[in-house]
């Protein structure tokens, strides 16, 4: 989530907007914006869409790290299963 929060903060700063301005434009609470930037919260899909519309990016950006982590765990599980199968065949 670190990459997303840094990316989000940089995107906000590029637009020269404060957290409060983003919150007001997106219709969300300013503490939500702060918590997203701090990595304490991940927005709901609804909130992600609102914020993304204000800043001009695709809302799924907020969830990319989560998807990458899931894919990495899946690959690790498959590797472990293959290693276990090889060990059983020897």
Protein backbone atom coordinates (compact mmCIF):
# COMPACT_ATOMS: atom_id res chain seq x y z
CA UNK A 1 0.00 0.00 0.00
CA UNK A 2 3.02 2.24 0.42
CA UNK A 3 3.42 2.78 -3.34
CA UNK A 4 -0.23 3.71 -3.73
CA UNK A 5 -0.23 6.16 -0.83
CA UNK A 6 2.92 7.87 -2.11
CA UNK A 7 1.52 7.96 -5.62
CA UNK A 8 -1.79 9.37 -4.37
CA UNK A 9 -0.07 12.07 -2.32
CA UNK A 10 2.14 13.05 -5.26
CA UNK A 11 -0.88 13.21 -7.56
CA UNK A 12 -2.64 15.53 -5.10
CA UNK A 13 0.43 17.74 -4.83
CA UNK A 14 0.79 17.90 -8.63
CA UNK A 15 -2.72 19.34 -8.75
CA UNK A 16 -1.74 21.78 -5.97
CA UNK A 17 -4.70 20.72 -3.84
CA UNK A 18 -4.88 20.31 -0.09
CA UNK A 19 -6.36 17.25 1.56
CA UNK A 20 -9.35 19.37 2.57
CA UNK A 21 -9.89 20.56 -1.00
CA UNK A 22 -9.79 17.00 -2.35
CA UNK A 23 -12.21 15.90 0.35
CA UNK A 24 -14.63 18.71 -0.39
CA UNK A 25 -14.51 18.15 -4.15
CA UNK A 26 -14.99 14.40 -3.73
CA UNK A 27 -17.64 14.73 -1.05
CA UNK A 28 -15.74 12.73 1.54
CA UNK A 29 -14.36 13.48 4.98
CA UNK A 30 -10.92 15.12 5.10
CA UNK A 31 -9.73 12.56 7.64
CA UNK A 32 -10.29 9.86 5.01
CA UNK A 33 -7.86 11.59 2.65
CA UNK A 34 -5.31 11.91 5.44
CA UNK A 35 -5.66 8.26 6.44
CA UNK A 36 -5.26 7.10 2.84
CA UNK A 37 -2.06 9.13 2.48
CA UNK A 38 -0.75 7.77 5.79
CA UNK A 39 -1.51 4.22 4.71
CA UNK A 40 -3.95 3.73 7.56
CA UNK A 41 -7.02 3.22 5.36
CA UNK A 42 -7.87 1.98 1.92
CA UNK A 43 -10.90 3.70 0.41
CA UNK A 44 -14.06 1.84 -0.46
CA UNK A 45 -14.74 1.44 -4.17
CA UNK A 46 -17.27 4.27 -3.99
CA UNK A 47 -14.82 6.65 -2.32
CA UNK A 48 -11.98 5.57 -4.62
CA UNK A 49 -14.14 6.44 -7.63
CA UNK A 50 -14.96 9.89 -6.22
CA UNK A 51 -11.35 10.74 -5.42
CA UNK A 52 -10.10 9.40 -8.75
CA UNK A 53 -12.65 11.52 -10.61
CA UNK A 54 -11.36 14.64 -8.84
CA UNK A 55 -7.69 13.86 -9.51
CA UNK A 56 -8.13 12.38 -12.97
CA UNK A 57 -6.95 8.78 -12.72
CA UNK A 58 -8.59 5.34 -12.79
CA UNK A 59 -10.02 4.37 -9.40
CA UNK A 60 -8.49 0.88 -9.48
CA UNK A 61 -5.08 2.46 -8.84
CA UNK A 62 -5.95 2.38 -5.13
CA UNK A 63 -6.12 -1.42 -5.23
CA UNK A 64 -3.09 -2.28 -7.37
CA UNK A 65 -0.81 -3.18 -4.46
CA UNK A 66 -3.52 -5.42 -3.03
CA UNK A 67 -3.84 -7.26 -6.35
CA UNK A 68 -0.07 -7.58 -6.69
CA UNK A 69 0.19 -8.98 -3.14
CA UNK A 70 -2.55 -11.53 -3.90
CA UNK A 71 -0.86 -12.58 -7.14
CA UNK A 72 2.49 -12.89 -5.36
CA UNK A 73 0.99 -15.09 -2.62
CA UNK A 74 -0.68 -17.26 -5.26
CA UNK A 75 2.63 -17.68 -7.12
CA UNK A 76 4.42 -18.50 -3.85
CA UNK A 77 1.78 -21.14 -3.03
CA UNK A 78 2.16 -22.71 -6.48
CA UNK A 79 5.95 -22.77 -6.14
CA UNK A 80 5.71 -24.40 -2.73
CA UNK A 81 3.29 -27.02 -4.05
CA UNK A 82 5.64 -27.81 -6.93
CA UNK A 83 8.62 -28.11 -4.57
CA UNK A 84 6.65 -30.40 -2.28
CA UNK A 85 5.63 -32.57 -5.24
CA UNK A 86 9.25 -32.79 -6.42
CA UNK A 87 10.41 -33.74 -2.94
CA UNK A 88 7.82 -36.49 -2.80
CA UNK A 89 8.98 -37.94 -6.13
CA UNK A 90 12.61 -38.28 -5.02
